[in-house]
Protein backbone atom coordinates (compact mmCIF):
# COMPACT_ATOMS: atom_id res chain seq x y z
CA UNK A 1 14.38 -17.09 0.27
CA UNK A 2 14.36 -16.70 4.04
CA UNK A 3 11.52 -17.11 6.08
CA UNK A 4 10.93 -16.57 9.88
CA UNK A 5 8.10 -18.50 11.18
CA UNK A 6 6.15 -16.64 14.36
CA UNK A 7 5.18 -18.11 17.41
CA UNK A 8 1.63 -18.17 16.34
CA UNK A 9 2.23 -20.31 13.23
CA UNK A 10 3.14 -24.02 14.01
CA UNK A 11 6.59 -25.10 14.18
CA UNK A 12 5.79 -27.96 11.70
CA UNK A 13 5.39 -25.37 8.86
CA UNK A 14 9.46 -25.19 9.07
CA UNK A 15 10.00 -28.66 7.98
CA UNK A 16 7.32 -28.01 5.45
CA UNK A 17 8.50 -24.96 3.98
CA UNK A 18 12.15 -26.60 4.19
CA UNK A 19 11.48 -29.44 2.19
CA UNK A 20 10.31 -26.76 -0.75
CA UNK A 21 13.81 -25.34 -0.44
CA UNK A 22 13.16 -22.44 1.36
CA UNK A 23 15.21 -21.50 4.15
CA UNK A 24 12.97 -21.25 7.28
CA UNK A 25 13.44 -21.02 10.89
CA UNK A 26 10.71 -20.97 13.49
CA UNK A 27 10.81 -18.08 16.14
CA UNK A 28 10.99 -20.49 19.22
CA UNK A 29 13.98 -21.51 17.72
CA UNK A 30 15.72 -18.57 17.49
CA UNK A 31 13.94 -15.97 20.05
CA UNK A 32 12.08 -15.40 23.36
CA UNK A 33 8.37 -16.81 22.80
CA UNK A 34 7.26 -13.52 24.04
CA UNK A 35 9.11 -11.30 21.95
CA UNK A 36 7.31 -8.05 20.90
CA UNK A 37 6.72 -7.54 17.49
CA UNK A 38 8.70 -5.05 17.16
CA UNK A 39 12.13 -7.68 18.06
CA UNK A 40 10.87 -10.24 15.33
CA UNK A 41 11.00 -7.64 12.67
CA UNK A 42 14.16 -6.32 13.71
CA UNK A 43 15.90 -9.64 13.63
CA UNK A 44 13.81 -10.22 9.85
CA UNK A 45 15.39 -6.85 8.90
CA UNK A 46 18.78 -7.53 10.35
CA UNK A 47 19.15 -11.43 8.40
CA UNK A 48 16.77 -10.50 5.04
CA UNK A 49 14.00 -12.81 6.46
CA UNK A 50 10.23 -12.09 5.27
CA UNK A 51 7.81 -13.01 8.81
CA UNK A 52 5.34 -15.66 8.16
CA UNK A 53 2.67 -14.98 10.57
CA UNK A 54 -1.05 -14.90 11.53
CA UNK A 55 -0.90 -12.08 13.46
CA UNK A 56 -3.16 -9.01 12.33
CA UNK A 57 -1.60 -6.84 14.70
CA UNK A 58 2.23 -7.04 12.68
CA UNK A 59 0.74 -4.23 10.07
CA UNK A 60 0.94 -1.81 12.73
CA UNK A 61 4.36 -2.69 13.43
CA UNK A 62 5.45 -2.34 9.68
CA UNK A 63 3.63 0.91 9.33
CA UNK A 64 5.03 2.23 12.56
CA UNK A 65 8.86 0.76 11.37
CA UNK A 66 8.08 2.12 8.27
CA UNK A 67 7.69 5.81 9.20
CA UNK A 68 10.47 5.78 11.64
CA UNK A 69 12.44 4.63 8.87
CA UNK A 70 11.78 7.17 6.45
CA UNK A 71 12.16 9.91 8.72
CA UNK A 72 15.23 8.77 10.39
CA UNK A 73 16.64 8.18 6.36
CA UNK A 74 15.11 12.33 5.47
CA UNK A 75 13.89 10.10 2.38
CA UNK A 76 10.83 12.13 0.80
CA UNK A 77 7.47 10.16 1.03
CA UNK A 78 7.17 10.25 -2.76
CA UNK A 79 9.16 10.40 -5.76
CA UNK A 80 8.83 13.77 -7.31
CA UNK A 81 10.09 13.27 -10.65
CA UNK A 82 7.45 10.16 -11.22
CA UNK A 83 4.95 10.90 -8.89
CA UNK A 84 4.56 7.51 -7.24
CA UNK A 85 4.82 6.61 -3.28
CA UNK A 86 7.68 5.06 -2.05
């Protein structure tokens, strides 16, 4: 598992996760400290990483990006054969 740790979390978490076998990197080592949530999420997606954050606004970013991605791919919002949400 790859994890990128957001700026609002201590860089000390990096070593703790790495000791547990997790491939972890703190955002301060790869991007600008004032990067927008969208930039961090884009990096995480491109690098197949999970974002570890204490920022409650990331939910808004996820929702906004998910809508854009679904509309860009013309993917239905629900599976018509199963009736379950995608």
